[in-house]
Amino acid sequence: MNLPMNPALPFSLAILLCVLLPGPAIAQEADLSCMSYRVLDKIQVAERYTEFDVIVTNSCPGAVYWTMCIERLDSRNQKILESHTPSGYVEKDKKSRVNLQMKKSGSDSGFRQRFQEFYVNVGYGIERASSAKCVAALCEAQKREARAEFRANLGAWEKAEKALAARLAAECPESGWGVTEEVETCRAGIREAVQSDLDRFARVDADLREQIVSGDPAYCQVHGGELVPD
């Protein structure tokens, strides 16, 4: 005996299959590890500033949009002076370049003057410019202890240099003829006695500076801040 077919069955089954069958796969975020950037310091050509280039390189199959967050810091207290967000796009196998000029610290009376520092982070996108996270506040929080040690050493170094200058003036005064051989001999003996301490301050300064400029993650590397030539 043949049973009558329920005409609603095929439709109900189709609805059930639509629910159970997977929908279209969600497109994964594009892998932009083929993009890279580096910060290149340039030969100093001016007394009042030093130059850097941030260079974006595209090794991807096609053009890519980029956006930077560049934050410039005061070299004396690491306050964020200003933020810049340049953007653009770069073709396959090409480079984009952003030029920066870091000024020297504002007061000429400062001890061991340095040029300004900056952080840079880059975001990439295929269809539109992607935002880049500004990282200076986060990264500086990680460097707070090293910054404090750096400033303490700098203060002690300055104090030692001032004490040396005062001692040279008191114990090896210039005569009416200016700096004589006798005065130079006197000064050389005093400098030799304290030179090891001054060298230690310089070594600690360099070591702490190296610790500060490095960063983990990589975008926490700070650039600039070199000593201003005497």
N, C-alpha and C. Protein backbone atom coordinates (compact mmCIF):
# COMPACT_ATOMS: atom_id res chain seq x y z
N MET A 1 0.85 -1.18 0.00
CA MET A 1 0.00 0.00 0.00
C MET A 1 0.88 1.23 0.00
N ASN A 2 0.59 2.13 -0.89
CA ASN A 2 1.36 3.36 -0.98
C ASN A 2 0.75 4.42 -0.08
N LEU A 3 1.65 5.00 0.78
CA LEU A 3 1.19 6.06 1.67
C LEU A 3 1.28 7.40 0.96
N PRO A 4 0.35 8.30 1.21
CA PRO A 4 0.41 9.62 0.57
C PRO A 4 1.58 10.40 1.10
N MET A 5 2.28 11.09 0.26
CA MET A 5 3.43 11.90 0.66
C MET A 5 2.96 13.24 1.23
N ASN A 6 3.64 13.67 2.26
CA ASN A 6 3.33 14.96 2.87
C ASN A 6 4.05 16.05 2.09
N PRO A 7 3.33 16.89 1.40
CA PRO A 7 3.99 17.90 0.57
C PRO A 7 4.80 18.90 1.38
N ALA A 8 4.56 18.98 2.70
CA ALA A 8 5.32 19.94 3.51
C ALA A 8 6.68 19.40 3.89
N LEU A 9 6.89 18.06 3.74
CA LEU A 9 8.13 17.46 4.19
C LEU A 9 9.35 17.98 3.45
N PRO A 10 9.36 18.02 2.14
CA PRO A 10 10.56 18.53 1.47
C PRO A 10 10.92 19.95 1.88
N PHE A 11 9.94 20.82 2.09
CA PHE A 11 10.21 22.20 2.47
C PHE A 11 10.80 22.27 3.87
N SER A 12 10.21 21.47 4.80
CA SER A 12 10.73 21.45 6.16
C SER A 12 12.15 20.93 6.19
N LEU A 13 12.41 19.91 5.39
CA LEU A 13 13.75 19.35 5.33
C LEU A 13 14.73 20.36 4.78
N ALA A 14 14.32 21.13 3.81
CA ALA A 14 15.20 22.13 3.23
C ALA A 14 15.57 23.19 4.24
N ILE A 15 14.59 23.60 5.08
CA ILE A 15 14.87 24.59 6.12
C ILE A 15 15.87 24.03 7.12
N LEU A 16 15.68 22.76 7.49
CA LEU A 16 16.58 22.13 8.45
C LEU A 16 17.99 22.04 7.89
N LEU A 17 18.11 21.69 6.63
CA LEU A 17 19.43 21.59 5.99
C LEU A 17 20.11 22.95 5.93
N CYS A 18 19.33 24.00 5.70
CA CYS A 18 19.91 25.35 5.66
C CYS A 18 20.48 25.74 7.01
N VAL A 19 19.83 25.26 8.06
CA VAL A 19 20.31 25.58 9.40
C VAL A 19 21.57 24.79 9.71
N LEU A 20 21.60 23.52 9.31
CA LEU A 20 22.70 22.65 9.68
C LEU A 20 23.94 22.84 8.81
N LEU A 21 23.75 23.14 7.53
CA LEU A 21 24.91 23.29 6.65
C LEU A 21 25.67 24.56 6.97
N PRO A 22 26.99 24.52 6.94
CA PRO A 22 27.78 25.73 7.23
C PRO A 22 27.58 26.79 6.18
N GLY A 23 27.62 28.08 6.64
CA GLY A 23 27.51 29.18 5.71
C GLY A 23 28.85 29.46 5.06
N PRO A 24 28.95 30.54 4.30
CA PRO A 24 30.20 30.86 3.62
C PRO A 24 31.28 31.18 4.64
N ALA A 25 32.51 30.77 4.35
CA ALA A 25 33.63 31.00 5.26
C ALA A 25 33.90 32.49 5.41
N ILE A 26 34.20 32.93 6.66
CA ILE A 26 34.52 34.33 6.90
C ILE A 26 35.96 34.59 6.48
N ALA A 27 36.14 35.61 5.70
CA ALA A 27 37.48 35.91 5.17
C ALA A 27 38.42 36.24 6.32
N GLN A 28 39.57 35.62 6.34
CA GLN A 28 40.56 35.89 7.36
C GLN A 28 41.26 37.21 7.09
N GLU A 29 41.75 37.83 8.17
CA GLU A 29 42.47 39.09 8.04
C GLU A 29 43.73 38.86 7.23
N ALA A 30 44.01 39.76 6.33
CA ALA A 30 45.15 39.60 5.43
C ALA A 30 46.44 39.61 6.23
N ASP A 31 47.38 38.78 5.82
CA ASP A 31 48.70 38.72 6.44
C ASP A 31 49.57 39.79 5.81
N LEU A 32 49.91 40.80 6.62
CA LEU A 32 50.72 41.91 6.11
C LEU A 32 52.12 41.88 6.71
N SER A 33 52.59 40.67 7.03
CA SER A 33 53.96 40.53 7.50
C SER A 33 54.97 40.85 6.40
N CYS A 34 54.47 40.98 5.18
CA CYS A 34 55.34 41.37 4.06
C CYS A 34 55.65 42.86 4.08
N MET A 35 55.03 43.60 5.02
CA MET A 35 55.34 45.02 5.20
C MET A 35 56.35 45.18 6.34
N SER A 36 57.20 46.17 6.20
CA SER A 36 58.18 46.44 7.26
C SER A 36 58.55 47.91 7.26
N TYR A 37 59.12 48.35 8.36
CA TYR A 37 59.62 49.73 8.41
C TYR A 37 60.89 49.76 9.26
N ARG A 38 61.70 50.77 9.04
CA ARG A 38 62.90 50.97 9.85
C ARG A 38 63.14 52.46 10.01
N VAL A 39 63.86 52.81 11.06
CA VAL A 39 64.20 54.20 11.33
C VAL A 39 65.68 54.38 11.05
N LEU A 40 65.98 55.28 10.15
CA LEU A 40 67.36 55.50 9.71
C LEU A 40 67.82 56.88 10.17
N ASP A 41 68.87 56.93 10.99
CA ASP A 41 69.41 58.23 11.38
C ASP A 41 70.36 58.70 10.30
N LYS A 42 70.31 60.00 10.02
CA LYS A 42 71.10 60.58 8.93
C LYS A 42 72.28 61.36 9.50
N ILE A 43 73.23 61.63 8.65
CA ILE A 43 74.39 62.41 9.06
C ILE A 43 73.92 63.80 9.46
N GLN A 44 74.37 64.25 10.63
CA GLN A 44 73.94 65.56 11.11
C GLN A 44 74.53 66.66 10.24
N VAL A 45 73.66 67.52 9.73
CA VAL A 45 74.11 68.60 8.85
C VAL A 45 73.80 69.97 9.43
N ALA A 46 73.14 70.01 10.58
CA ALA A 46 72.80 71.29 11.20
C ALA A 46 73.03 71.19 12.70
N GLU A 47 73.45 72.28 13.30
CA GLU A 47 73.75 72.28 14.72
C GLU A 47 72.49 72.16 15.57
N ARG A 48 71.37 72.73 15.09
CA ARG A 48 70.17 72.83 15.93
C ARG A 48 69.28 71.60 15.87
N TYR A 49 69.49 70.69 14.93
CA TYR A 49 68.65 69.49 14.88
C TYR A 49 69.41 68.33 14.24
N THR A 50 68.87 67.15 14.43
CA THR A 50 69.39 65.94 13.79
C THR A 50 68.24 65.25 13.06
N GLU A 51 68.52 64.64 11.91
CA GLU A 51 67.47 64.11 11.03
C GLU A 51 67.36 62.60 11.10
N PHE A 52 66.13 62.13 10.88
CA PHE A 52 65.84 60.71 10.78
C PHE A 52 64.86 60.49 9.63
N ASP A 53 64.93 59.32 9.02
CA ASP A 53 63.94 58.89 8.03
C ASP A 53 63.24 57.64 8.54
N VAL A 54 61.90 57.64 8.49
CA VAL A 54 61.14 56.41 8.74
C VAL A 54 60.78 55.85 7.37
N ILE A 55 61.28 54.66 7.05
CA ILE A 55 61.15 54.09 5.71
C ILE A 55 60.25 52.86 5.76
N VAL A 56 59.14 52.91 5.02
CA VAL A 56 58.20 51.79 4.91
C VAL A 56 58.50 51.03 3.63
N THR A 57 58.68 49.72 3.73
CA THR A 57 59.01 48.88 2.57
C THR A 57 57.89 47.88 2.31
N ASN A 58 57.45 47.81 1.05
CA ASN A 58 56.38 46.91 0.65
C ASN A 58 56.94 45.73 -0.13
N SER A 59 56.88 44.53 0.47
CA SER A 59 57.26 43.30 -0.21
C SER A 59 56.04 42.43 -0.48
N CYS A 60 54.86 43.03 -0.45
CA CYS A 60 53.60 42.32 -0.66
C CYS A 60 53.27 42.21 -2.15
N PRO A 61 52.26 41.42 -2.52
CA PRO A 61 51.89 41.26 -3.94
C PRO A 61 51.29 42.51 -4.57
N GLY A 62 50.79 43.46 -3.75
CA GLY A 62 50.16 44.65 -4.30
C GLY A 62 50.36 45.85 -3.41
N ALA A 63 49.71 46.96 -3.76
CA ALA A 63 49.84 48.20 -2.99
C ALA A 63 49.23 48.05 -1.60
N VAL A 64 49.78 48.75 -0.63
CA VAL A 64 49.32 48.70 0.75
C VAL A 64 49.27 50.12 1.31
N TYR A 65 48.19 50.42 2.04
CA TYR A 65 48.09 51.71 2.73
C TYR A 65 48.82 51.63 4.07
N TRP A 66 49.35 52.74 4.51
CA TRP A 66 50.03 52.79 5.81
C TRP A 66 49.68 54.08 6.54
N THR A 67 49.72 54.02 7.86
CA THR A 67 49.55 55.18 8.72
C THR A 67 50.54 55.07 9.87
N MET A 68 51.16 56.17 10.23
CA MET A 68 52.10 56.19 11.34
C MET A 68 51.54 56.99 12.50
N CYS A 69 52.00 56.66 13.70
CA CYS A 69 51.86 57.57 14.84
C CYS A 69 53.28 57.87 15.32
N ILE A 70 53.68 59.11 15.14
CA ILE A 70 55.01 59.56 15.56
C ILE A 70 54.83 60.54 16.70
N GLU A 71 55.45 60.23 17.84
CA GLU A 71 55.31 61.07 19.03
C GLU A 71 56.68 61.62 19.42
N ARG A 72 56.78 62.93 19.46
CA ARG A 72 58.04 63.61 19.77
C ARG A 72 58.07 63.95 21.26
N LEU A 73 59.19 63.63 21.92
CA LEU A 73 59.34 63.81 23.36
C LEU A 73 60.36 64.89 23.68
N ASP A 74 60.11 65.60 24.77
CA ASP A 74 61.09 66.52 25.31
C ASP A 74 62.26 65.71 25.86
N SER A 75 63.48 66.08 25.49
CA SER A 75 64.64 65.30 25.89
C SER A 75 64.96 65.43 27.37
N ARG A 76 64.39 66.43 28.04
CA ARG A 76 64.70 66.65 29.46
C ARG A 76 63.74 65.92 30.39
N ASN A 77 62.46 65.84 30.04
CA ASN A 77 61.49 65.23 30.95
C ASN A 77 60.60 64.18 30.28
N GLN A 78 60.82 63.91 29.01
CA GLN A 78 60.10 62.88 28.24
C GLN A 78 58.61 63.14 28.13
N LYS A 79 58.19 64.37 28.29
CA LYS A 79 56.79 64.71 28.03
C LYS A 79 56.54 64.68 26.53
N ILE A 80 55.33 64.28 26.15
CA ILE A 80 54.97 64.22 24.73
C ILE A 80 54.70 65.64 24.24
N LEU A 81 55.54 66.12 23.35
CA LEU A 81 55.39 67.47 22.84
C LEU A 81 54.33 67.55 21.76
N GLU A 82 54.30 66.56 20.88
CA GLU A 82 53.31 66.55 19.80
C GLU A 82 53.26 65.17 19.17
N SER A 83 52.12 64.87 18.54
CA SER A 83 51.93 63.61 17.83
C SER A 83 51.59 63.90 16.38
N HIS A 84 52.14 63.11 15.47
CA HIS A 84 51.86 63.25 14.05
C HIS A 84 51.36 61.91 13.51
N THR A 85 50.41 61.98 12.58
CA THR A 85 49.85 60.75 11.99
C THR A 85 49.89 60.83 10.46
N PRO A 86 51.07 60.86 9.87
CA PRO A 86 51.14 60.86 8.40
C PRO A 86 50.64 59.54 7.84
N SER A 87 50.11 59.57 6.63
CA SER A 87 49.60 58.34 6.01
C SER A 87 49.81 58.41 4.51
N GLY A 88 49.68 57.27 3.86
CA GLY A 88 49.84 57.20 2.41
C GLY A 88 49.72 55.75 1.98
N TYR A 89 50.17 55.46 0.77
CA TYR A 89 50.21 54.07 0.33
C TYR A 89 51.50 53.86 -0.45
N VAL A 90 51.91 52.60 -0.53
CA VAL A 90 53.16 52.27 -1.18
C VAL A 90 52.92 51.09 -2.12
N GLU A 91 53.42 51.21 -3.34
CA GLU A 91 53.24 50.15 -4.33
C GLU A 91 54.14 48.95 -4.03
N LYS A 92 53.84 47.85 -4.68
CA LYS A 92 54.62 46.62 -4.54
C LYS A 92 56.10 46.90 -4.85
N ASP A 93 56.97 46.38 -4.01
CA ASP A 93 58.43 46.50 -4.18
C ASP A 93 58.91 47.95 -4.14
N LYS A 94 58.12 48.83 -3.52
CA LYS A 94 58.51 50.24 -3.41
C LYS A 94 58.66 50.62 -1.94
N LYS A 95 59.12 51.86 -1.70
CA LYS A 95 59.30 52.37 -0.34
C LYS A 95 58.65 53.74 -0.21
N SER A 96 58.16 54.03 0.99
CA SER A 96 57.71 55.37 1.35
C SER A 96 58.62 55.88 2.46
N ARG A 97 58.81 57.20 2.48
CA ARG A 97 59.77 57.78 3.41
C ARG A 97 59.17 59.00 4.09
N VAL A 98 59.31 59.08 5.41
CA VAL A 98 58.90 60.25 6.19
C VAL A 98 60.14 60.80 6.89
N ASN A 99 60.42 62.08 6.68
CA ASN A 99 61.61 62.70 7.26
C ASN A 99 61.26 63.43 8.55
N LEU A 100 62.11 63.30 9.56
CA LEU A 100 61.90 63.93 10.86
C LEU A 100 63.13 64.74 11.25
N GLN A 101 62.90 65.84 11.94
CA GLN A 101 63.99 66.66 12.46
C GLN A 101 63.81 66.79 13.97
N MET A 102 64.76 66.25 14.74
CA MET A 102 64.71 66.32 16.19
C MET A 102 65.60 67.47 16.67
N LYS A 103 65.00 68.42 17.37
CA LYS A 103 65.72 69.60 17.83
C LYS A 103 66.49 69.28 19.11
N LYS A 104 67.49 70.12 19.41
CA LYS A 104 68.22 69.95 20.66
C LYS A 104 67.41 70.58 21.79
N SER A 105 67.73 70.18 23.03
CA SER A 105 66.98 70.66 24.18
C SER A 105 67.03 72.18 24.25
N GLY A 106 65.98 72.76 24.79
CA GLY A 106 65.77 74.20 24.68
C GLY A 106 66.77 75.07 25.40
N SER A 107 67.32 74.62 26.53
CA SER A 107 68.20 75.47 27.33
C SER A 107 69.65 75.16 27.04
N ASP A 108 70.40 76.17 26.64
CA ASP A 108 71.82 75.96 26.36
C ASP A 108 72.64 75.74 27.62
N SER A 109 72.04 76.00 28.79
CA SER A 109 72.75 75.83 30.05
C SER A 109 72.61 74.42 30.61
N GLY A 110 71.84 73.58 29.94
CA GLY A 110 71.63 72.23 30.44
C GLY A 110 72.90 71.40 30.39
N PHE A 111 73.03 70.49 31.37
CA PHE A 111 74.21 69.62 31.43
C PHE A 111 74.02 68.44 30.49
N ARG A 112 75.03 68.16 29.67
CA ARG A 112 74.99 67.06 28.71
C ARG A 112 73.71 67.11 27.87
N GLN A 113 73.56 68.15 27.11
CA GLN A 113 72.36 68.32 26.29
C GLN A 113 72.17 67.16 25.31
N ARG A 114 70.90 66.88 25.01
CA ARG A 114 70.58 65.85 24.04
C ARG A 114 69.51 66.36 23.09
N PHE A 115 69.41 65.70 21.95
CA PHE A 115 68.35 66.00 21.00
C PHE A 115 67.05 65.33 21.46
N GLN A 116 65.94 65.80 20.94
CA GLN A 116 64.64 65.24 21.28
C GLN A 116 64.56 63.77 20.86
N GLU A 117 63.64 63.05 21.49
CA GLU A 117 63.42 61.64 21.20
C GLU A 117 62.06 61.46 20.53
N PHE A 118 61.83 60.30 19.94
CA PHE A 118 60.51 60.02 19.37
C PHE A 118 60.24 58.53 19.32
N TYR A 119 58.95 58.21 19.39
CA TYR A 119 58.46 56.85 19.17
C TYR A 119 57.73 56.82 17.83
N VAL A 120 57.75 55.66 17.19
CA VAL A 120 57.01 55.52 15.93
C VAL A 120 56.37 54.14 15.90
N ASN A 121 55.13 54.09 15.44
CA ASN A 121 54.43 52.83 15.23
C ASN A 121 53.66 52.94 13.92
N VAL A 122 53.55 51.85 13.17
CA VAL A 122 52.95 51.88 11.83
C VAL A 122 51.83 50.85 11.74
N GLY A 123 50.70 51.26 11.15
CA GLY A 123 49.60 50.35 10.86
C GLY A 123 49.42 50.21 9.36
N TYR A 124 48.98 49.05 8.90
CA TYR A 124 48.84 48.78 7.46
C TYR A 124 47.41 48.34 7.13
N GLY A 125 47.00 48.57 5.89
CA GLY A 125 45.69 48.13 5.41
C GLY A 125 45.70 47.98 3.91
N ILE A 126 44.84 47.10 3.41
CA ILE A 126 44.80 46.84 1.96
C ILE A 126 43.79 47.74 1.27
N GLU A 127 42.61 47.92 1.86
CA GLU A 127 41.55 48.69 1.21
C GLU A 127 41.52 50.14 1.65
N ARG A 128 42.07 50.43 2.81
CA ARG A 128 42.07 51.81 3.30
C ARG A 128 43.19 51.95 4.32
N ALA A 129 43.52 53.19 4.63
CA ALA A 129 44.57 53.45 5.59
C ALA A 129 44.15 52.93 6.97
N SER A 130 44.99 52.15 7.59
CA SER A 130 44.70 51.61 8.90
C SER A 130 45.26 52.54 9.98
N SER A 131 44.59 52.60 11.11
CA SER A 131 45.08 53.45 12.19
C SER A 131 46.31 52.81 12.83
N ALA A 132 47.18 53.65 13.37
CA ALA A 132 48.38 53.18 14.06
C ALA A 132 48.28 53.57 15.53
N LYS A 133 48.52 52.63 16.40
CA LYS A 133 48.44 52.89 17.83
C LYS A 133 49.58 53.80 18.27
N CYS A 134 49.26 54.83 19.06
CA CYS A 134 50.28 55.69 19.65
C CYS A 134 50.78 55.02 20.93
N VAL A 135 52.08 54.89 21.08
CA VAL A 135 52.62 54.00 22.10
C VAL A 135 53.49 54.68 23.14
N ALA A 136 53.75 55.99 23.02
CA ALA A 136 54.72 56.65 23.89
C ALA A 136 54.37 56.51 25.38
N ALA A 137 53.11 56.77 25.73
CA ALA A 137 52.71 56.71 27.15
C ALA A 137 52.91 55.31 27.72
N LEU A 138 52.50 54.30 26.98
CA LEU A 138 52.64 52.92 27.43
C LEU A 138 54.11 52.53 27.56
N CYS A 139 54.90 52.87 26.55
CA CYS A 139 56.31 52.47 26.54
C CYS A 139 57.11 53.20 27.60
N GLU A 140 56.83 54.49 27.81
CA GLU A 140 57.55 55.25 28.82
C GLU A 140 57.25 54.74 30.22
N ALA A 141 56.04 54.23 30.44
CA ALA A 141 55.70 53.66 31.75
C ALA A 141 56.60 52.48 32.06
N GLN A 142 56.97 51.71 31.03
CA GLN A 142 57.86 50.57 31.21
C GLN A 142 59.30 51.00 31.48
N LYS A 143 59.65 52.20 31.11
CA LYS A 143 61.03 52.68 31.24
C LYS A 143 61.20 53.62 32.43
N ARG A 144 60.18 53.75 33.27
CA ARG A 144 60.21 54.75 34.34
C ARG A 144 61.40 54.54 35.28
N GLU A 145 61.65 53.31 35.68
CA GLU A 145 62.75 53.05 36.62
C GLU A 145 64.10 53.38 35.99
N ALA A 146 64.30 52.98 34.73
CA ALA A 146 65.57 53.27 34.06
C ALA A 146 65.74 54.77 33.86
N ARG A 147 64.66 55.47 33.57
CA ARG A 147 64.73 56.93 33.43
C ARG A 147 65.15 57.58 34.75
N ALA A 148 64.62 57.10 35.86
CA ALA A 148 64.96 57.66 37.17
C ALA A 148 66.44 57.45 37.47
N GLU A 149 66.95 56.24 37.20
CA GLU A 149 68.37 55.97 37.41
C GLU A 149 69.23 56.84 36.50
N PHE A 150 68.76 57.04 35.28
CA PHE A 150 69.49 57.84 34.31
C PHE A 150 69.61 59.29 34.80
N ARG A 151 68.50 59.85 35.29
CA ARG A 151 68.52 61.24 35.77
C ARG A 151 69.37 61.38 37.04
N ALA A 152 69.32 60.38 37.92
CA ALA A 152 70.13 60.42 39.14
C ALA A 152 71.62 60.40 38.81
N ASN A 153 71.99 59.54 37.89
CA ASN A 153 73.41 59.48 37.49
C ASN A 153 73.84 60.79 36.82
N LEU A 154 72.94 61.35 36.00
CA LEU A 154 73.26 62.60 35.33
C LEU A 154 73.45 63.72 36.35
N GLY A 155 72.60 63.75 37.38
CA GLY A 155 72.73 64.77 38.41
C GLY A 155 74.04 64.64 39.19
N ALA A 156 74.42 63.39 39.51
CA ALA A 156 75.67 63.17 40.22
C ALA A 156 76.87 63.52 39.35
N TRP A 157 76.77 63.22 38.08
CA TRP A 157 77.83 63.55 37.13
C TRP A 157 78.02 65.06 37.03
N GLU A 158 76.91 65.77 36.93
CA GLU A 158 76.98 67.24 36.85
C GLU A 158 77.58 67.81 38.13
N LYS A 159 77.19 67.27 39.27
CA LYS A 159 77.72 67.75 40.55
C LYS A 159 79.22 67.55 40.61
N ALA A 160 79.70 66.39 40.14
CA ALA A 160 81.13 66.09 40.14
C ALA A 160 81.90 67.03 39.21
N GLU A 161 81.30 67.32 38.05
CA GLU A 161 81.95 68.23 37.10
C GLU A 161 82.04 69.64 37.67
N LYS A 162 81.01 70.09 38.38
CA LYS A 162 81.02 71.42 38.98
C LYS A 162 82.05 71.49 40.11
N ALA A 163 82.14 70.42 40.88
CA ALA A 163 83.13 70.38 41.97
C ALA A 163 84.55 70.42 41.40
N LEU A 164 84.75 69.73 40.29
CA LEU A 164 86.06 69.75 39.64
C LEU A 164 86.40 71.15 39.16
N ALA A 165 85.44 71.80 38.52
CA ALA A 165 85.68 73.16 38.01
C ALA A 165 86.01 74.12 39.14
N ALA A 166 85.31 73.99 40.27
CA ALA A 166 85.56 74.86 41.41
C ALA A 166 86.95 74.61 42.00
N ARG A 167 87.34 73.35 42.07
CA ARG A 167 88.66 73.01 42.61
C ARG A 167 89.77 73.51 41.70
N LEU A 168 89.59 73.36 40.39
CA LEU A 168 90.60 73.85 39.44
C LEU A 168 90.78 75.35 39.57
N ALA A 169 89.66 76.06 39.72
CA ALA A 169 89.74 77.52 39.83
C ALA A 169 90.42 77.93 41.13
N ALA A 170 90.16 77.19 42.22
CA ALA A 170 90.71 77.56 43.52
C ALA A 170 92.18 77.19 43.66
N GLU A 171 92.54 75.98 43.17
CA GLU A 171 93.89 75.48 43.39
C GLU A 171 94.85 75.78 42.24
N CYS A 172 94.32 76.07 41.08
CA CYS A 172 95.18 76.33 39.92
C CYS A 172 94.73 77.62 39.22
N PRO A 173 94.76 78.73 39.93
CA PRO A 173 94.27 79.98 39.32
C PRO A 173 95.18 80.46 38.20
N GLU A 174 94.55 81.10 37.22
CA GLU A 174 95.33 81.67 36.13
C GLU A 174 96.02 82.95 36.61
N SER A 175 97.19 83.18 36.09
CA SER A 175 97.91 84.41 36.40
C SER A 175 97.55 85.48 35.38
N GLY A 176 98.14 86.62 35.51
CA GLY A 176 97.89 87.68 34.54
C GLY A 176 98.33 87.33 33.15
N TRP A 177 99.16 86.29 33.04
CA TRP A 177 99.64 85.85 31.72
C TRP A 177 98.74 84.77 31.11
N GLY A 178 97.65 84.46 31.78
CA GLY A 178 96.75 83.45 31.25
C GLY A 178 97.12 82.07 31.76
N VAL A 179 96.88 81.04 30.93
CA VAL A 179 97.14 79.66 31.32
C VAL A 179 98.61 79.34 31.05
N THR A 180 99.38 79.20 32.11
CA THR A 180 100.80 78.90 31.98
C THR A 180 101.01 77.39 32.05
N GLU A 181 102.23 76.97 31.78
CA GLU A 181 102.56 75.56 31.86
C GLU A 181 102.39 75.04 33.28
N GLU A 182 102.71 75.88 34.25
CA GLU A 182 102.55 75.49 35.65
C GLU A 182 101.07 75.27 35.99
N VAL A 183 100.20 76.15 35.46
CA VAL A 183 98.77 76.01 35.70
C VAL A 183 98.25 74.72 35.05
N GLU A 184 98.69 74.45 33.85
CA GLU A 184 98.26 73.24 33.15
C GLU A 184 98.70 71.99 33.89
N THR A 185 99.91 71.99 34.42
CA THR A 185 100.40 70.85 35.19
C THR A 185 99.57 70.65 36.45
N CYS A 186 99.23 71.77 37.11
CA CYS A 186 98.39 71.71 38.30
C CYS A 186 97.03 71.11 37.97
N ARG A 187 96.43 71.56 36.90
CA ARG A 187 95.09 71.10 36.51
C ARG A 187 95.12 69.63 36.11
N ALA A 188 96.17 69.23 35.39
CA ALA A 188 96.28 67.84 34.94
C ALA A 188 96.32 66.88 36.12
N GLY A 189 97.03 67.26 37.17
CA GLY A 189 97.10 66.40 38.35
C GLY A 189 95.76 66.23 39.03
N ILE A 190 95.00 67.31 39.12
CA ILE A 190 93.68 67.25 39.76
C ILE A 190 92.72 66.43 38.90
N ARG A 191 92.74 66.66 37.60
CA ARG A 191 91.85 65.90 36.70
C ARG A 191 92.15 64.41 36.78
N GLU A 192 93.42 64.07 36.81
CA GLU A 192 93.80 62.66 36.86
C GLU A 192 93.25 61.99 38.11
N ALA A 193 93.20 62.73 39.21
CA ALA A 193 92.74 62.17 40.48
C ALA A 193 91.25 61.84 40.46
N VAL A 194 90.47 62.57 39.66
CA VAL A 194 89.01 62.37 39.65
C VAL A 194 88.51 61.74 38.34
N GLN A 195 89.43 61.48 37.41
CA GLN A 195 89.00 61.02 36.09
C GLN A 195 88.27 59.68 36.14
N SER A 196 88.69 58.79 37.03
CA SER A 196 88.03 57.49 37.10
C SER A 196 86.56 57.63 37.48
N ASP A 197 86.26 58.58 38.39
CA ASP A 197 84.86 58.82 38.78
C ASP A 197 84.06 59.37 37.61
N LEU A 198 84.65 60.31 36.87
CA LEU A 198 83.95 60.89 35.72
C LEU A 198 83.72 59.83 34.64
N ASP A 199 84.71 58.96 34.44
CA ASP A 199 84.57 57.89 33.45
C ASP A 199 83.44 56.94 33.86
N ARG A 200 83.32 56.68 35.16
CA ARG A 200 82.25 55.80 35.64
C ARG A 200 80.88 56.40 35.36
N PHE A 201 80.73 57.70 35.61
CA PHE A 201 79.47 58.36 35.29
C PHE A 201 79.14 58.24 33.81
N ALA A 202 80.15 58.40 32.97
CA ALA A 202 79.94 58.31 31.53
C ALA A 202 79.52 56.91 31.11
N ARG A 203 80.14 55.88 31.72
CA ARG A 203 79.79 54.50 31.38
C ARG A 203 78.37 54.17 31.81
N VAL A 204 78.00 54.59 33.01
CA VAL A 204 76.64 54.35 33.49
C VAL A 204 75.64 55.06 32.60
N ASP A 205 75.97 56.29 32.20
CA ASP A 205 75.10 57.05 31.31
C ASP A 205 74.87 56.29 30.01
N ALA A 206 75.95 55.77 29.42
CA ALA A 206 75.83 55.04 28.16
C ALA A 206 75.04 53.74 28.33
N ASP A 207 75.29 53.02 29.43
CA ASP A 207 74.60 51.76 29.65
C ASP A 207 73.10 51.97 29.85
N LEU A 208 72.75 52.96 30.66
CA LEU A 208 71.34 53.23 30.91
C LEU A 208 70.65 53.75 29.65
N ARG A 209 71.38 54.55 28.89
CA ARG A 209 70.81 55.05 27.64
C ARG A 209 70.50 53.91 26.68
N GLU A 210 71.38 52.94 26.60
CA GLU A 210 71.15 51.77 25.74
C GLU A 210 69.93 50.98 26.22
N GLN A 211 69.78 50.88 27.54
CA GLN A 211 68.62 50.18 28.10
C GLN A 211 67.32 50.92 27.79
N ILE A 212 67.37 52.24 27.83
CA ILE A 212 66.17 53.05 27.60
C ILE A 212 65.73 53.01 26.15
N VAL A 213 66.67 53.09 25.22
CA VAL A 213 66.27 53.18 23.81
C VAL A 213 65.74 51.86 23.29
N SER A 214 66.16 50.74 23.90
CA SER A 214 65.65 49.45 23.44
C SER A 214 64.22 49.29 23.95
N GLY A 215 63.52 48.32 23.41
CA GLY A 215 62.13 48.15 23.83
C GLY A 215 61.57 46.80 23.45
N ASP A 216 60.73 46.27 24.29
CA ASP A 216 60.01 45.03 24.02
C ASP A 216 58.57 45.26 24.45
N PRO A 217 57.61 45.24 23.53
CA PRO A 217 57.72 44.89 22.11
C PRO A 217 58.55 45.89 21.30
N ALA A 218 58.80 45.53 20.07
CA ALA A 218 59.75 46.29 19.24
C ALA A 218 59.35 47.75 19.08
N TYR A 219 58.04 48.04 19.08
CA TYR A 219 57.63 49.43 18.86
C TYR A 219 57.96 50.31 20.07
N CYS A 220 58.41 49.71 21.16
CA CYS A 220 58.80 50.51 22.33
C CYS A 220 60.25 51.01 22.23
N GLN A 221 60.89 50.78 21.11
CA GLN A 221 62.22 51.36 20.93
C GLN A 221 62.07 52.86 20.72
N VAL A 222 62.85 53.65 21.47
CA VAL A 222 62.80 55.10 21.33
C VAL A 222 64.01 55.54 20.52
N HIS A 223 63.80 56.52 19.66
CA HIS A 223 64.84 56.98 18.74
C HIS A 223 65.26 58.41 19.08
N GLY A 224 66.47 58.77 18.69
CA GLY A 224 66.97 60.11 18.95
C GLY A 224 67.62 60.20 20.31
N GLY A 225 67.72 61.44 20.83
CA GLY A 225 68.27 61.63 22.15
C GLY A 225 69.78 61.56 22.24
N GLU A 226 70.48 61.63 21.11
CA GLU A 226 71.93 61.60 21.15
C GLU A 226 72.47 62.85 21.82
N LEU A 227 73.67 62.73 22.36
CA LEU A 227 74.32 63.89 22.96
C LEU A 227 74.57 64.95 21.90
N VAL A 228 74.31 66.18 22.26
CA VAL A 228 74.62 67.31 21.37
C VAL A 228 76.14 67.52 21.38
N PRO A 229 76.79 67.53 20.24
CA PRO A 229 78.25 67.73 20.20
C PRO A 229 78.62 69.06 20.86
N ASP A 230 79.74 69.05 21.59
CA ASP A 230 80.24 70.27 22.21
C ASP A 230 80.80 71.20 21.15
